[in-house]
Amino acid sequence: MLHVLAIVLILVMLGAAIFALEHKKLVIGVIAAGLVSLIASIIFVVLAAPDVAMTEAAIGSGLSTVMFFYVLSKIRGASHG
C-alpha cells in the first residue's frame, strides 16, 4: 500500500514539476514549484523521515516560495518605477 501511495505522489510531483516548467505565467510556476516541494515533504513523511519532511516543508515549500514572490514583486516594482 505504501508503494502505491509513493508512486502516486511521485507522479503528481513530476506532473507539477513539468507544469511549473512549461507554464507561461511566472506566478503559477512558482506555486507549482512550491507544490513540488510540499509533495516531497509528504513523501518524506511516508518514508518515516519526519525531520527531513519538516525541513523540506519549512524551507523548500514555505520560505523559498515566499522569497520567490518577494523577488517577483521587487522586479515588477522596479520595472514600473
Protein backbone atom coordinates (compact mmCIF):
# COMPACT_ATOMS: atom_id res chain seq x y z
CA MET A 1 0.00 0.00 0.00
CA LEU A 2 2.81 2.43 0.79
CA HIS A 3 4.43 1.66 -2.53
CA VAL A 4 1.27 2.65 -4.39
CA LEU A 5 0.98 5.87 -2.38
CA ALA A 6 4.63 6.72 -3.02
CA ILE A 7 4.24 6.08 -6.76
CA VAL A 8 1.11 8.25 -6.96
CA LEU A 9 2.84 11.07 -5.05
CA ILE A 10 5.91 10.85 -7.27
CA LEU A 11 3.75 11.01 -10.41
CA VAL A 12 1.87 14.03 -9.06
CA MET A 13 5.18 15.66 -8.15
CA LEU A 14 6.55 15.01 -11.63
CA GLY A 15 3.41 16.47 -13.19
CA ALA A 16 3.64 19.59 -11.02
CA ALA A 17 7.32 20.00 -11.92
CA ILE A 18 6.58 19.78 -15.64
CA PHE A 19 3.67 22.19 -15.16
CA ALA A 20 6.00 24.63 -13.35
CA LEU A 21 8.49 24.50 -16.20
CA GLU A 22 6.01 24.77 -19.05
CA HIS A 23 3.52 27.35 -17.78
CA LYS A 24 3.74 30.83 -19.26
CA LYS A 25 2.81 32.76 -16.09
CA LEU A 26 5.65 33.03 -13.62
CA VAL A 27 3.38 33.22 -10.57
CA ILE A 28 1.71 29.92 -11.40
CA GLY A 29 5.13 28.38 -12.00
CA VAL A 30 6.27 29.46 -8.53
CA ILE A 31 3.14 27.99 -6.95
CA ALA A 32 3.67 24.72 -8.83
CA ALA A 33 7.31 24.61 -7.69
CA GLY A 34 6.12 25.09 -4.10
CA LEU A 35 3.71 22.22 -4.64
CA VAL A 36 6.59 20.01 -5.77
CA SER A 37 8.40 20.75 -2.52
CA LEU A 38 5.26 20.17 -0.47
CA ILE A 39 4.71 16.78 -2.10
CA ALA A 40 8.35 15.92 -1.44
CA SER A 41 7.79 16.62 2.25
CA ILE A 42 4.75 14.31 2.23
CA ILE A 43 6.88 11.59 0.62
CA PHE A 44 9.46 12.04 3.38
CA VAL A 45 6.73 11.53 6.00
CA VAL A 46 5.59 8.37 4.22
CA LEU A 47 9.20 7.14 4.22
CA ALA A 48 9.41 7.71 8.01
CA ALA A 49 11.73 10.72 7.92
CA PRO A 50 9.72 13.39 9.76
CA ASP A 51 12.74 15.60 10.49
CA VAL A 52 13.60 15.86 6.79
CA ALA A 53 9.91 16.40 5.99
CA MET A 54 9.66 19.33 8.41
CA THR A 55 12.80 20.91 6.98
CA GLU A 56 11.56 20.46 3.41
CA ALA A 57 8.15 21.91 4.26
CA ALA A 58 9.60 24.90 6.12
CA ILE A 59 12.45 25.80 3.80
CA GLY A 60 11.56 24.27 0.44
CA SER A 61 7.85 24.91 0.35
CA GLY A 62 7.45 27.82 2.73
CA LEU A 63 10.48 30.09 2.73
CA SER A 64 11.53 29.57 -0.89
CA THR A 65 8.04 30.30 -2.21
CA VAL A 66 7.76 33.44 -0.11
CA MET A 67 11.20 34.57 -1.30
CA PHE A 68 10.25 33.98 -4.95
CA PHE A 69 7.11 36.10 -4.55
CA TYR A 70 9.07 38.83 -2.76
CA VAL A 71 11.64 38.98 -5.55
CA LEU A 72 8.90 38.98 -8.20
CA SER A 73 7.21 41.93 -6.51
CA LYS A 74 10.52 43.82 -6.35
CA ILE A 75 11.30 43.10 -10.00
CA ARG A 76 7.85 44.21 -11.12
CA GLY A 77 8.08 47.33 -8.95
CA ALA A 78 11.50 48.22 -10.39
CA SER A 79 10.32 47.79 -13.97
CA HIS A 80 7.36 50.16 -13.41
CA GLY A 81 9.31 52.74 -11.42
